[in-house]
């Protein structure tokens, strides 16, 4: 399958390299020419165990391409992953300018049906904004060409990668969350995504299909739950110091409860 990854940061690069390693033809796009030059000369802008070897193997096999060519990236694939940064704004909210810029570029250059996949960590409702941005560009393009606009569907497919174990997390996922629309375009997008992720579901079904907003919310809920465990354990450690308890022994005592577990304590 042909895949386009927009953004060669942490999530985009791991996603693109691992999908190429499954046999897909992956086009990785970035607006940063220096980063693309680095990748095309064998460098890797981030360190993640095993990632460099995967990139080298798939570049040599011709399955992984790095470029700044917007039009070529849209033409390459019917599946367009948006994996750009969403840095915090001044008020702490996610800055979606790069996500929406990627969406507009897709709408501006697309000539056939596209599955647009939100891979970036984005607030609930972002898929609606992505769809609106694509639609605006399609209206302009269709008027210029005097032709019907090609269809598309926006899918929420949040990432659950840990730094230092991202390749392992991607290739052996606990779950694959797909948020899709309930219309005909959404069904078509779901079929495409199921085909893409089929190699991960051979032993047992890991895919969780839901509506788009629930998928967007799932990512934030998971992040919040893990942060809560860490923060709560830190508070317990402070209290243990005050009362003279050994927090490591406490951690073992509560972590042995299967309802609690040891992870993120």
Protein backbone atom coordinates (compact mmCIF):
# COMPACT_ATOMS: atom_id res chain seq x y z
CA UNK A 1 0.00 0.00 0.00
CA UNK A 2 1.18 3.57 -0.68
CA UNK A 3 1.34 5.75 2.43
CA UNK A 4 2.21 9.41 2.96
CA UNK A 5 3.46 10.66 6.33
CA UNK A 6 3.34 14.43 6.84
CA UNK A 7 5.95 15.35 9.43
CA UNK A 8 9.22 13.58 10.20
CA UNK A 9 9.33 14.25 13.92
CA UNK A 10 9.21 11.56 16.59
CA UNK A 11 5.79 10.14 15.74
CA UNK A 12 5.97 10.61 11.97
CA UNK A 13 9.41 9.08 11.55
CA UNK A 14 8.67 6.02 13.69
CA UNK A 15 5.31 5.51 11.98
CA UNK A 16 6.72 5.90 8.48
CA UNK A 17 9.73 3.66 9.04
CA UNK A 18 7.72 0.88 10.70
CA UNK A 19 5.00 0.94 8.03
CA UNK A 20 7.69 0.72 5.34
CA UNK A 21 9.20 -2.24 7.17
CA UNK A 22 5.85 -4.02 6.73
CA UNK A 23 6.23 -3.70 2.96
CA UNK A 24 4.37 -0.44 2.31
CA UNK A 25 5.72 2.29 0.03
CA UNK A 26 6.07 5.29 2.33
CA UNK A 27 6.61 8.92 1.34
CA UNK A 28 7.72 11.07 4.29
CA UNK A 29 7.14 14.80 3.84
CA UNK A 30 8.60 17.66 5.85
CA UNK A 31 8.88 21.40 5.21
CA UNK A 32 12.28 21.48 6.94
CA UNK A 33 14.78 21.03 4.09
CA UNK A 34 17.68 20.55 6.52
CA UNK A 35 15.91 17.62 8.20
CA UNK A 36 15.10 16.02 4.84
CA UNK A 37 18.71 16.45 3.69
CA UNK A 38 19.90 14.80 6.90
CA UNK A 39 17.58 11.83 6.39
CA UNK A 40 18.53 11.48 2.73
CA UNK A 41 22.21 11.35 3.72
CA UNK A 42 21.74 8.56 6.25
CA UNK A 43 21.26 10.65 9.37
CA UNK A 44 18.39 10.42 11.85
CA UNK A 45 17.23 13.57 13.71
CA UNK A 46 16.09 11.63 16.80
CA UNK A 47 17.47 8.67 18.73
CA UNK A 48 15.22 5.68 19.15
CA UNK A 49 16.64 2.14 19.56
CA UNK A 50 16.41 0.22 16.29
CA UNK A 51 15.01 3.11 14.26
CA UNK A 52 18.14 3.93 12.28
CA UNK A 53 18.53 0.34 11.11
CA UNK A 54 14.89 0.18 10.00
CA UNK A 55 15.24 3.43 8.05
CA UNK A 56 18.44 2.30 6.35
CA UNK A 57 16.94 -1.08 5.42
CA UNK A 58 13.84 0.42 3.86
CA UNK A 59 15.60 3.29 2.08
CA UNK A 60 17.90 0.70 0.48
CA UNK A 61 14.85 -1.37 -0.51
CA UNK A 62 13.22 1.67 -2.12
CA UNK A 63 10.21 1.59 0.20
CA UNK A 64 11.00 4.79 2.14
CA UNK A 65 11.38 8.26 0.60
CA UNK A 66 12.03 11.64 2.22
CA UNK A 67 11.07 14.88 0.45
CA UNK A 68 9.74 18.44 0.76
CA UNK A 69 7.58 18.13 -2.38
CA UNK A 70 3.99 18.81 -1.24
CA UNK A 71 2.28 17.95 -4.51
CA UNK A 72 4.21 14.70 -4.86
CA UNK A 73 3.36 13.68 -1.30
CA UNK A 74 -0.38 14.09 -1.90
CA UNK A 75 -0.26 12.34 -5.27
CA UNK A 76 1.72 9.41 -3.79
CA UNK A 77 -0.98 7.85 -1.64
CA UNK A 78 -4.66 7.62 -0.84
CA UNK A 79 -3.74 7.41 2.86
CA UNK A 80 -2.30 10.65 4.27
CA UNK A 81 -1.04 10.59 7.86
CA UNK A 82 -0.80 13.98 9.58
CA UNK A 83 1.95 13.62 12.18
CA UNK A 84 3.10 17.20 12.70
CA UNK A 85 3.77 18.94 16.00
CA UNK A 86 1.05 20.45 18.18
CA UNK A 87 3.10 22.62 20.59
CA UNK A 88 1.31 24.27 23.53
CA UNK A 89 0.05 27.79 22.87
CA UNK A 90 0.41 30.65 25.34
CA UNK A 91 -2.75 29.56 27.17
CA UNK A 92 -1.62 25.92 27.25
CA UNK A 93 -3.94 24.77 24.47
CA UNK A 94 -2.62 22.79 21.50
CA UNK A 95 -1.46 24.92 18.58
CA UNK A 96 -3.12 23.36 15.54
CA UNK A 97 -1.62 25.62 12.89
CA UNK A 98 0.66 22.91 11.51
CA UNK A 99 -2.12 20.29 11.48
CA UNK A 100 -4.47 22.61 9.62
CA UNK A 101 -1.73 23.71 7.21
CA UNK A 102 -1.14 20.04 6.36
CA UNK A 103 -4.88 19.57 5.85
CA UNK A 104 -5.07 22.56 3.52
CA UNK A 105 -2.15 21.25 1.47
CA UNK A 106 -3.90 17.92 1.06
CA UNK A 107 -7.11 19.62 -0.06
CA UNK A 108 -5.21 21.88 -2.45
CA UNK A 109 -3.45 19.06 -4.30
CA UNK A 110 -5.75 16.01 -4.04
CA UNK A 111 -7.44 14.64 -7.14
CA UNK A 112 -8.82 11.35 -5.80
CA UNK A 113 -10.37 9.96 -2.61
CA UNK A 114 -8.14 10.40 0.44
CA UNK A 115 -8.12 8.87 3.89
CA UNK A 116 -6.70 11.64 6.08
CA UNK A 117 -5.39 10.23 9.34
CA UNK A 118 -4.84 12.42 12.40
CA UNK A 119 -1.83 10.84 14.11
CA UNK A 120 -0.78 13.95 16.03
CA UNK A 121 -1.98 14.44 19.60
CA UNK A 122 -4.91 16.79 19.08
CA UNK A 123 -7.90 18.02 21.12
CA UNK A 124 -11.39 16.61 20.67
CA UNK A 125 -12.99 18.22 17.63
CA UNK A 126 -9.79 18.58 15.60
CA UNK A 127 -11.00 16.14 12.94
CA UNK A 128 -13.91 18.48 12.25
CA UNK A 129 -11.48 21.36 11.78
CA UNK A 130 -9.28 19.25 9.50
CA UNK A 131 -12.32 18.30 7.42
CA UNK A 132 -13.39 21.95 7.17
CA UNK A 133 -9.90 23.04 6.05
CA UNK A 134 -9.78 20.34 3.35
CA UNK A 135 -13.30 21.19 2.17
CA UNK A 136 -12.43 24.88 1.81
CA UNK A 137 -9.51 24.04 -0.45
CA UNK A 138 -11.55 21.52 -2.44
CA UNK A 139 -14.24 24.13 -3.15
CA UNK A 140 -11.63 26.53 -4.51
CA UNK A 141 -9.94 23.80 -6.57
CA UNK A 142 -13.18 22.39 -7.98
CA UNK A 143 -14.34 25.84 -9.07
CA UNK A 144 -11.03 26.41 -10.84
CA UNK A 145 -11.17 23.02 -12.57
CA UNK A 146 -14.97 23.11 -13.03
CA UNK A 147 -15.17 19.55 -11.80
CA UNK A 148 -16.58 17.59 -8.86
CA UNK A 149 -14.54 17.51 -5.67
CA UNK A 150 -12.98 14.13 -4.83
CA UNK A 151 -14.20 12.63 -1.60
CA UNK A 152 -12.29 12.14 1.63
CA UNK A 153 -12.73 10.98 5.20
CA UNK A 154 -10.83 12.02 8.33
CA UNK A 155 -9.76 9.23 10.69
CA UNK A 156 -8.47 9.63 14.24
CA UNK A 157 -5.65 7.16 14.89
CA UNK A 158 -3.83 8.36 18.02
CA UNK A 159 -0.35 7.13 18.84
CA UNK A 160 0.64 5.41 22.08
CA UNK A 161 4.43 5.41 21.84
CA UNK A 162 6.90 5.58 24.72
CA UNK A 163 10.26 7.22 24.15
CA UNK A 164 12.93 4.53 24.18
CA UNK A 165 10.45 1.82 23.22
CA UNK A 166 8.62 3.45 20.29
CA UNK A 167 9.58 0.86 17.67
CA UNK A 168 8.51 -1.96 19.98
CA UNK A 169 5.27 -0.15 20.85
CA UNK A 170 4.43 0.40 17.19
CA UNK A 171 5.25 -3.09 15.97
CA UNK A 172 3.63 -4.86 18.95
CA UNK A 173 0.80 -2.54 19.97
CA UNK A 174 -1.52 -3.14 22.93
CA UNK A 175 -4.33 -1.57 20.90
CA UNK A 176 -4.95 0.28 17.65
CA UNK A 177 -7.59 2.96 18.07
CA UNK A 178 -9.49 4.00 14.93
CA UNK A 179 -12.05 6.78 15.08
CA UNK A 180 -14.12 6.85 11.91
CA UNK A 181 -17.25 8.55 10.60
CA UNK A 182 -20.44 6.50 10.23
CA UNK A 183 -21.13 7.56 6.63
CA UNK A 184 -20.14 5.79 3.41
CA UNK A 185 -16.81 7.64 3.21
CA UNK A 186 -16.06 6.61 6.79
CA UNK A 187 -16.79 2.97 6.00
CA UNK A 188 -14.46 3.17 3.02
CA UNK A 189 -11.77 4.73 5.20
CA UNK A 190 -12.22 2.03 7.86
CA UNK A 191 -11.79 -0.72 5.28
CA UNK A 192 -8.54 0.90 4.13
CA UNK A 193 -7.21 1.26 7.67
CA UNK A 194 -8.11 -2.33 8.51
CA UNK A 195 -6.14 -3.46 5.46
CA UNK A 196 -3.17 -1.34 6.52
CA UNK A 197 -3.13 -2.65 10.08
CA UNK A 198 -4.02 -6.27 9.23
CA UNK A 199 -0.47 -7.53 10.02
CA UNK A 200 -0.91 -6.45 13.66
CA UNK A 201 -4.13 -8.42 14.10
CA UNK A 202 -3.03 -11.87 12.94
CA UNK A 203 -2.85 -13.45 16.39
CA UNK A 204 -5.71 -11.55 17.98
CA UNK A 205 -7.76 -8.44 17.25
CA UNK A 206 -6.07 -5.32 18.58
CA UNK A 207 -8.18 -2.75 16.74
CA UNK A 208 -10.72 -0.68 18.65
CA UNK A 209 -13.15 1.06 16.31
CA UNK A 210 -15.18 4.00 17.58
CA UNK A 211 -16.46 7.39 16.53
CA UNK A 212 -13.90 10.10 15.81
CA UNK A 213 -14.41 12.21 18.93
CA UNK A 214 -14.21 9.18 21.21
CA UNK A 215 -10.88 8.24 19.61
CA UNK A 216 -9.55 11.77 20.10
CA UNK A 217 -10.71 11.68 23.72
CA UNK A 218 -9.14 8.25 24.29
CA UNK A 219 -5.66 9.66 23.67
CA UNK A 220 -6.08 12.44 26.22
CA UNK A 221 -7.75 10.10 28.70
CA UNK A 222 -4.82 7.65 28.49
CA UNK A 223 -2.27 10.44 28.94
CA UNK A 224 -4.20 11.83 31.92
CA UNK A 225 -4.58 8.43 33.56
CA UNK A 226 -0.86 7.69 33.34
CA UNK A 227 0.06 11.17 34.57
CA UNK A 228 -2.35 10.74 37.48
CA UNK A 229 -0.64 7.51 38.58
CA UNK A 230 2.78 9.13 38.50
CA UNK A 231 1.62 12.29 40.28
CA UNK A 232 -0.28 10.35 42.93
CA UNK A 233 2.75 8.14 43.61
CA UNK A 234 4.90 11.25 44.04
CA UNK A 235 2.42 12.59 46.58
CA UNK A 236 2.48 9.27 48.44
CA UNK A 237 6.29 9.44 48.48
CA UNK A 238 6.18 12.88 50.10
CA UNK A 239 3.71 11.64 52.70
CA UNK A 240 5.81 8.50 53.34
CA UNK A 241 8.82 10.70 54.12
CA UNK A 242 6.79 12.58 56.71
CA UNK A 243 5.49 9.49 58.50
CA UNK A 244 8.71 7.45 58.19
CA UNK A 245 7.47 4.80 55.74
CA UNK A 246 9.58 3.23 52.97
CA UNK A 247 7.84 4.21 49.71
CA UNK A 248 9.59 1.44 47.75
CA UNK A 249 8.08 -1.19 50.04
CA UNK A 250 4.73 0.56 49.79
CA UNK A 251 4.99 0.55 45.99
CA UNK A 252 5.59 -3.21 46.04
CA UNK A 253 2.72 -3.70 48.45
CA UNK A 254 0.14 -1.85 46.39
CA UNK A 255 1.54 -2.86 42.98
CA UNK A 256 1.04 -6.54 43.78
CA UNK A 257 -2.70 -5.88 43.69
CA UNK A 258 -3.72 -6.81 40.11
CA UNK A 259 -6.27 -4.01 40.13
CA UNK A 260 -3.40 -1.53 40.55
CA UNK A 261 -0.30 -3.14 39.04
CA UNK A 262 3.29 -1.85 39.01
CA UNK A 263 3.30 0.16 35.77
CA UNK A 264 3.84 3.90 36.14
CA UNK A 265 4.25 3.70 39.91
